[in-house]
Amino acid sequence: MRRIGLILLGMVLVLVGIPMLVLPGPGLLAIGGGAACIARAFRPRRSQSA
């Protein structure tokens, strides 16, 4: 469930950031944040070995 939430948040940030490239606002920051959220959702999990 958390993975889906991170992917959705990332997609929203990227989609909001695209118009902000030409409109006033931090477009590159929003796109970068969205890409970071999506990358974190697909990050490999650590093994729980003792």
N, C-alpha and C. Protein backbone atom coordinates (compact mmCIF):
# COMPACT_ATOMS: atom_id res chain seq x y z
N MET A 1 0.83 -1.19 0.00
CA MET A 1 0.00 0.00 0.00
C MET A 1 0.87 1.26 0.00
N ARG A 2 1.97 1.20 0.75
CA ARG A 2 2.86 2.36 0.81
C ARG A 2 3.52 2.61 -0.54
N ARG A 3 3.84 1.52 -1.24
CA ARG A 3 4.47 1.64 -2.55
C ARG A 3 3.55 2.35 -3.53
N ILE A 4 2.29 1.99 -3.52
CA ILE A 4 1.32 2.62 -4.42
C ILE A 4 1.18 4.11 -4.08
N GLY A 5 1.16 4.43 -2.78
CA GLY A 5 1.06 5.82 -2.37
C GLY A 5 2.25 6.65 -2.82
N LEU A 6 3.46 6.08 -2.72
CA LEU A 6 4.65 6.80 -3.16
C LEU A 6 4.64 7.02 -4.67
N ILE A 7 4.20 6.01 -5.41
CA ILE A 7 4.13 6.15 -6.86
C ILE A 7 3.12 7.23 -7.24
N LEU A 8 1.95 7.20 -6.61
CA LEU A 8 0.93 8.21 -6.91
C LEU A 8 1.40 9.62 -6.54
N LEU A 9 2.04 9.76 -5.38
CA LEU A 9 2.56 11.05 -4.97
C LEU A 9 3.61 11.55 -5.96
N GLY A 10 4.48 10.67 -6.39
CA GLY A 10 5.50 11.04 -7.36
C GLY A 10 4.91 11.47 -8.68
N MET A 11 3.90 10.74 -9.14
CA MET A 11 3.27 11.10 -10.41
C MET A 11 2.57 12.46 -10.31
N VAL A 12 1.92 12.72 -9.19
CA VAL A 12 1.25 14.01 -9.01
C VAL A 12 2.27 15.14 -9.00
N LEU A 13 3.38 14.94 -8.29
CA LEU A 13 4.41 15.99 -8.24
C LEU A 13 4.99 16.26 -9.62
N VAL A 14 5.24 15.21 -10.39
CA VAL A 14 5.79 15.41 -11.73
C VAL A 14 4.77 16.13 -12.61
N LEU A 15 3.51 15.71 -12.54
CA LEU A 15 2.48 16.34 -13.38
C LEU A 15 2.23 17.79 -12.98
N VAL A 16 2.36 18.11 -11.71
CA VAL A 16 2.20 19.50 -11.27
C VAL A 16 3.44 20.31 -11.64
N GLY A 17 4.59 19.68 -11.63
CA GLY A 17 5.84 20.38 -11.92
C GLY A 17 6.00 20.76 -13.38
N ILE A 18 5.42 19.99 -14.29
CA ILE A 18 5.58 20.28 -15.72
C ILE A 18 5.03 21.66 -16.08
N PRO A 19 3.79 22.01 -15.70
CA PRO A 19 3.33 23.36 -16.03
C PRO A 19 4.11 24.45 -15.30
N MET A 20 4.67 24.10 -14.13
CA MET A 20 5.42 25.11 -13.38
C MET A 20 6.76 25.44 -14.04
N LEU A 21 7.15 24.70 -15.07
CA LEU A 21 8.37 25.05 -15.79
C LEU A 21 8.20 26.36 -16.54
N VAL A 22 6.98 26.63 -17.04
CA VAL A 22 6.74 27.88 -17.76
C VAL A 22 5.95 28.88 -16.92
N LEU A 23 5.22 28.40 -15.92
CA LEU A 23 4.49 29.28 -15.01
C LEU A 23 5.38 29.57 -13.80
N PRO A 24 5.05 30.60 -13.04
CA PRO A 24 5.86 30.89 -11.85
C PRO A 24 5.74 29.75 -10.83
N GLY A 25 6.86 29.27 -10.40
CA GLY A 25 6.87 28.20 -9.41
C GLY A 25 8.11 27.35 -9.56
N PRO A 26 8.38 26.54 -8.55
CA PRO A 26 9.58 25.69 -8.57
C PRO A 26 9.36 24.39 -9.34
N GLY A 27 9.30 24.48 -10.65
CA GLY A 27 9.00 23.32 -11.48
C GLY A 27 10.03 22.22 -11.40
N LEU A 28 11.31 22.59 -11.49
CA LEU A 28 12.36 21.57 -11.43
C LEU A 28 12.39 20.89 -10.07
N LEU A 29 12.14 21.64 -9.02
CA LEU A 29 12.13 21.07 -7.68
C LEU A 29 10.98 20.07 -7.52
N ALA A 30 9.81 20.41 -8.05
CA ALA A 30 8.67 19.51 -7.97
C ALA A 30 8.91 18.25 -8.78
N ILE A 31 9.48 18.38 -9.97
CA ILE A 31 9.76 17.21 -10.80
C ILE A 31 10.83 16.34 -10.14
N GLY A 32 11.84 16.96 -9.57
CA GLY A 32 12.87 16.20 -8.87
C GLY A 32 12.32 15.47 -7.66
N GLY A 33 11.45 16.13 -6.91
CA GLY A 33 10.83 15.47 -5.76
C GLY A 33 9.94 14.31 -6.17
N GLY A 34 9.21 14.49 -7.27
CA GLY A 34 8.38 13.40 -7.76
C GLY A 34 9.20 12.22 -8.23
N ALA A 35 10.30 12.50 -8.91
CA ALA A 35 11.19 11.42 -9.36
C ALA A 35 11.80 10.70 -8.17
N ALA A 36 12.13 11.44 -7.11
CA ALA A 36 12.69 10.81 -5.91
C ALA A 36 11.67 9.90 -5.23
N CYS A 37 10.41 10.32 -5.19
CA CYS A 37 9.37 9.48 -4.60
C CYS A 37 9.17 8.20 -5.40
N ILE A 38 9.16 8.32 -6.71
CA ILE A 38 9.00 7.14 -7.55
C ILE A 38 10.20 6.21 -7.40
N ALA A 39 11.40 6.77 -7.35
CA ALA A 39 12.59 5.94 -7.19
C ALA A 39 12.58 5.23 -5.84
N ARG A 40 12.11 5.91 -4.81
CA ARG A 40 12.06 5.28 -3.49
C ARG A 40 11.06 4.13 -3.46
N ALA A 41 10.00 4.23 -4.25
CA ALA A 41 9.02 3.15 -4.29
C ALA A 41 9.59 1.89 -4.93
N PHE A 42 10.54 2.05 -5.83
CA PHE A 42 11.11 0.90 -6.52
C PHE A 42 12.48 0.50 -5.96
N ARG A 43 12.86 1.06 -4.82
CA ARG A 43 14.13 0.72 -4.20
C ARG A 43 14.08 -0.71 -3.70
N PRO A 44 15.15 -1.48 -3.91
CA PRO A 44 15.14 -2.87 -3.39
C PRO A 44 15.12 -2.89 -1.87
N ARG A 45 14.42 -3.84 -1.34
CA ARG A 45 14.30 -3.94 0.11
C ARG A 45 15.53 -4.65 0.68
N ARG A 46 15.89 -4.26 1.91
CA ARG A 46 17.01 -4.91 2.59
C ARG A 46 16.55 -6.26 3.14
N SER A 47 17.47 -7.19 3.17
CA SER A 47 17.13 -8.49 3.75
C SER A 47 17.15 -8.37 5.27
N GLN A 48 16.34 -9.14 5.93
CA GLN A 48 16.22 -9.10 7.39
C GLN A 48 17.04 -10.20 8.04
N SER A 49 18.23 -10.46 7.54
CA SER A 49 19.05 -11.53 8.11
C SER A 49 19.68 -11.06 9.43
N ALA A 50 19.74 -11.98 10.37
CA ALA A 50 20.28 -11.67 11.70
C ALA A 50 21.72 -11.96 11.69
